[in-house]
Amino acid sequence: TQLEVSPTNPTIIVGGTIELTVTTNASDYTVSNTNTTSVSFDKVTRTITANAVGSATLTFTAKYGEGEEVSKQVVVTVEAAPVEPTYLDVTTTTPLSVVKGDTRVFTIDTNAEDYEVELNNSTLGSYSKETKTLTTLQPGSLTIKFKATKEGSDTVEKSFTLEIADVTLSATVTELELKVGEAKSFDIESNVLTEATAEATDNEKIAIAKNNNRV
């Protein structure tokens, strides 16, 4: 009796398949399987399918006529598919030095299904996952941490620390004496990035030109 089977020690990733070559002069052969949970075998297509992590021994047996019965074994090892590492990229607008009431929008790119956000002090700021926006509430040092975990992989973290300052507003002069028709200029300084407003208590007596700080 002639019987050859190859390969004899295949390693397959879960969900994968491999086709065996079976050569025999017998009209038929039998196949036994020690672990049908991990490995299944289709005799028609001679295909092994890896179903779960583990190992199985397939025993092929053939007999030609009145000849001696011959057996060959194939030891199949099934391994887990390699896990894709977690990817997390977080960017935001700059600078990170902000004032109370300012906002920062974050761009988040990850292969995880979702991500988590942690603030070291919730009284200093709040974060909206819907708009991916951080709003500063009080002066202080605020750290925002983004965490993502792809199933089966490690957790990846990205952190940003924002130094939140209180709003400042100052002018080079605090008192002005002007005659009717006279104009004077002064500088205004603030750490607020948005445009400030200027108002007079009596617009009939005082006119303010914001473009050049002239009164």
Protein backbone atom coordinates (compact mmCIF):
# COMPACT_ATOMS: atom_id res chain seq x y z
CA THR A 1 0.00 0.00 0.00
CA GLN A 2 1.27 3.44 -0.94
CA LEU A 3 0.21 6.54 1.05
CA GLU A 4 1.89 9.94 1.19
CA VAL A 5 0.48 13.09 2.79
CA SER A 6 2.05 16.55 2.82
CA PRO A 7 2.69 18.88 4.48
CA THR A 8 2.95 16.90 7.70
CA ASN A 9 3.36 19.73 10.25
CA PRO A 10 1.48 22.80 9.01
CA THR A 11 0.91 25.91 11.15
CA ILE A 12 -2.23 27.89 10.32
CA ILE A 13 -3.62 31.18 11.62
CA VAL A 14 -7.19 31.09 12.99
CA GLY A 15 -9.57 31.45 10.06
CA GLY A 16 -6.95 30.26 7.56
CA THR A 17 -6.93 27.19 5.35
CA ILE A 18 -4.36 24.91 3.75
CA GLU A 19 -4.75 22.23 1.08
CA LEU A 20 -3.04 18.87 1.60
CA THR A 21 -1.58 16.65 -1.07
CA VAL A 22 -2.71 13.05 -0.60
CA THR A 23 -1.19 10.37 -2.86
CA THR A 24 -2.28 6.71 -2.55
CA ASN A 25 -2.86 3.65 -4.71
CA ALA A 26 -5.85 2.66 -2.57
CA SER A 27 -9.34 3.34 -3.86
CA ASP A 28 -10.15 5.27 -0.71
CA TYR A 29 -8.76 6.28 2.67
CA THR A 30 -10.07 7.27 6.09
CA VAL A 31 -9.21 10.31 8.21
CA SER A 32 -9.50 10.67 11.99
CA ASN A 33 -9.23 13.98 13.84
CA THR A 34 -8.19 14.38 17.50
CA ASN A 35 -9.51 17.96 17.84
CA THR A 36 -12.46 18.93 15.68
CA THR A 37 -12.90 22.14 17.66
CA SER A 38 -9.60 23.61 16.49
CA VAL A 39 -9.34 21.92 13.09
CA SER A 40 -11.79 20.67 10.49
CA PHE A 41 -10.89 18.67 7.38
CA ASP A 42 -12.79 18.46 4.10
CA LYS A 43 -11.93 15.15 2.49
CA VAL A 44 -13.36 16.13 -0.91
CA THR A 45 -11.16 19.22 -1.28
CA ARG A 46 -8.43 17.88 1.06
CA THR A 47 -8.57 21.26 2.85
CA ILE A 48 -7.76 21.93 6.50
CA THR A 49 -9.58 24.86 8.13
CA ALA A 50 -8.26 26.45 11.34
CA ASN A 51 -11.21 27.23 13.64
CA ALA A 52 -9.64 27.94 17.03
CA VAL A 53 -6.25 28.14 18.71
CA GLY A 54 -4.94 24.66 19.53
CA SER A 55 -3.53 21.60 17.81
CA ALA A 56 -4.91 18.48 16.19
CA THR A 57 -3.55 15.26 14.75
CA LEU A 58 -5.09 14.01 11.52
CA THR A 59 -4.47 10.32 10.87
CA PHE A 60 -4.82 9.11 7.27
CA THR A 61 -5.26 5.36 6.79
CA ALA A 62 -5.35 3.43 3.48
CA LYS A 63 -5.24 -0.21 2.36
CA TYR A 64 -4.64 -1.46 -1.16
CA GLY A 65 -6.34 -4.77 -1.90
CA GLU A 66 -5.04 -7.44 0.45
CA GLY A 67 -1.97 -5.40 1.23
CA GLU A 68 -0.91 -4.06 4.59
CA GLU A 69 -2.79 -1.10 6.07
CA VAL A 70 -0.69 2.09 6.09
CA SER A 71 -1.22 5.24 8.23
CA LYS A 72 0.25 8.73 8.00
CA GLN A 73 -0.17 11.54 10.50
CA VAL A 74 -0.45 15.29 9.99
CA VAL A 75 0.04 17.43 13.11
CA VAL A 76 -1.74 20.77 12.69
CA THR A 77 -0.95 23.79 14.89
CA VAL A 78 -3.44 26.67 14.96
CA GLU A 79 -2.19 30.05 16.16
CA ALA A 80 -4.02 33.29 16.90
CA ALA A 81 -3.93 36.03 14.30
CA PRO A 82 -1.38 38.75 15.09
CA VAL A 83 -2.98 41.66 16.92
CA GLU A 84 -2.84 45.07 15.28
CA PRO A 85 -1.30 47.56 17.75
CA THR A 86 -3.41 50.44 19.01
CA TYR A 87 -2.95 53.66 17.06
CA LEU A 88 -3.82 57.02 18.60
CA ASP A 89 -2.90 60.43 17.22
CA VAL A 90 -4.20 63.59 18.88
CA THR A 91 -3.51 67.14 17.73
CA THR A 92 -4.88 70.50 18.77
CA THR A 93 -4.65 74.16 17.98
CA THR A 94 -1.79 76.10 19.49
CA PRO A 95 -0.68 77.74 21.70
CA LEU A 96 -1.34 75.66 24.79
CA SER A 97 -1.15 78.75 27.01
CA VAL A 98 -4.75 79.83 27.30
CA VAL A 99 -6.99 82.03 29.41
CA LYS A 100 -10.12 81.26 31.37
CA GLY A 101 -13.07 80.78 29.05
CA ASP A 102 -10.94 79.88 26.02
CA THR A 103 -11.58 76.75 23.92
CA ARG A 104 -9.36 74.21 22.18
CA VAL A 105 -10.57 71.83 19.47
CA PHE A 106 -8.83 68.45 19.20
CA THR A 107 -8.41 66.21 16.17
CA ILE A 108 -8.41 62.52 17.12
CA ASP A 109 -7.39 59.64 14.86
CA THR A 110 -7.48 56.08 16.25
CA ASN A 111 -8.14 52.52 15.11
CA ALA A 112 -9.90 51.74 18.40
CA GLU A 113 -13.69 51.71 18.51
CA ASP A 114 -13.74 54.54 21.04
CA TYR A 115 -11.48 56.61 23.28
CA GLU A 116 -11.53 57.90 26.86
CA VAL A 117 -10.73 61.37 28.17
CA GLU A 118 -9.44 62.19 31.65
CA LEU A 119 -8.95 65.64 33.22
CA ASN A 120 -6.67 65.99 36.23
CA ASN A 121 -9.00 68.67 37.62
CA SER A 122 -12.59 68.94 36.40
CA THR A 123 -12.98 72.37 38.01
CA LEU A 124 -10.43 73.83 35.60
CA GLY A 125 -12.02 72.66 32.38
CA SER A 126 -14.65 70.52 30.65
CA TYR A 127 -14.41 68.38 27.51
CA SER A 128 -17.14 67.57 24.98
CA LYS A 129 -16.62 64.31 23.06
CA GLU A 130 -19.37 65.34 20.66
CA THR A 131 -17.50 68.43 19.46
CA LYS A 132 -14.02 67.32 20.62
CA THR A 133 -13.70 70.69 22.36
CA LEU A 134 -12.04 71.58 25.64
CA THR A 135 -13.37 74.66 27.46
CA THR A 136 -11.26 76.22 30.20
CA LEU A 137 -13.13 77.27 33.34
CA GLN A 138 -10.63 78.47 35.93
CA PRO A 139 -6.95 79.48 36.08
CA GLY A 140 -4.50 76.67 36.81
CA SER A 141 -2.53 73.82 35.25
CA LEU A 142 -4.89 71.46 33.43
CA THR A 143 -3.79 68.11 32.00
CA ILE A 144 -6.08 66.35 29.53
CA LYS A 145 -5.31 62.70 28.78
CA PHE A 146 -6.68 60.72 25.83
CA LYS A 147 -6.70 56.90 26.05
CA ALA A 148 -7.55 54.30 23.40
CA THR A 149 -7.40 50.50 23.36
CA LYS A 150 -7.86 48.34 20.29
CA GLU A 151 -9.35 44.98 21.27
CA GLY A 152 -6.59 42.56 22.17
CA SER A 153 -3.88 45.23 22.12
CA ASP A 154 -2.27 47.58 24.63
CA THR A 155 -3.64 50.95 25.73
CA VAL A 156 -2.08 54.05 24.18
CA GLU A 157 -2.21 57.45 25.91
CA LYS A 158 -1.67 61.02 24.73
CA SER A 159 -1.55 63.94 27.19
CA PHE A 160 -1.59 67.72 26.91
CA THR A 161 -0.97 70.20 29.71
CA LEU A 162 -2.51 73.66 29.41
CA GLU A 163 -1.48 76.57 31.58
CA ILE A 164 -4.70 78.53 32.11
CA ALA A 165 -4.28 82.17 33.06
CA ASP A 166 -6.85 84.57 34.39
CA VAL A 167 -8.00 87.27 31.97
CA THR A 168 -5.84 90.39 32.09
CA LEU A 169 -6.61 93.83 30.71
CA SER A 170 -4.50 96.94 31.20
CA ALA A 171 -3.95 100.36 29.64
CA THR A 172 -0.90 102.61 29.67
CA VAL A 173 -3.04 105.38 31.21
CA THR A 174 -5.93 105.29 33.62
CA GLU A 175 -6.87 109.00 33.53
CA LEU A 176 -6.97 111.50 30.67
CA GLU A 177 -7.68 115.22 30.61
CA LEU A 178 -8.77 116.49 27.20
CA LYS A 179 -10.04 119.76 25.85
CA VAL A 180 -12.95 119.80 23.42
CA GLY A 181 -11.64 118.63 20.04
CA GLU A 182 -8.41 117.28 21.48
CA ALA A 183 -7.35 113.64 20.91
CA LYS A 184 -4.93 111.42 22.77
CA SER A 185 -3.75 107.84 22.16
CA PHE A 186 -2.88 105.04 24.56
CA ASP A 187 -2.05 101.31 24.47
CA ILE A 188 -4.26 98.50 25.67
CA GLU A 189 -2.84 95.07 26.55
CA SER A 190 -4.73 91.83 27.21
CA ASN A 191 -4.05 88.10 27.09
CA VAL A 192 -7.44 87.46 25.51
CA LEU A 193 -7.05 86.37 21.90
CA THR A 194 -10.50 87.48 20.79
CA GLU A 195 -11.34 91.08 19.94
CA ALA A 196 -12.17 93.35 22.87
CA THR A 197 -14.91 95.95 23.00
CA ALA A 198 -14.55 99.61 23.95
CA GLU A 199 -17.35 101.68 25.38
CA ALA A 200 -17.77 105.24 26.66
CA THR A 201 -20.13 106.23 29.44
CA ASP A 202 -21.20 109.31 27.48
CA ASN A 203 -20.94 109.01 23.72
CA GLU A 204 -22.00 112.64 23.24
CA LYS A 205 -18.89 113.86 25.05
CA ILE A 206 -16.34 111.16 24.18
CA ALA A 207 -15.65 109.33 20.90
CA ILE A 208 -13.39 106.24 20.83
CA ALA A 209 -11.52 105.10 17.73
CA LYS A 210 -10.51 101.49 18.37
CA ASN A 211 -8.26 101.14 15.35
CA ASN A 212 -5.69 103.52 16.80
CA ASN A 213 -6.81 103.69 20.44
CA ARG A 214 -7.60 107.40 20.07
CA VAL A 215 -10.01 109.17 22.37
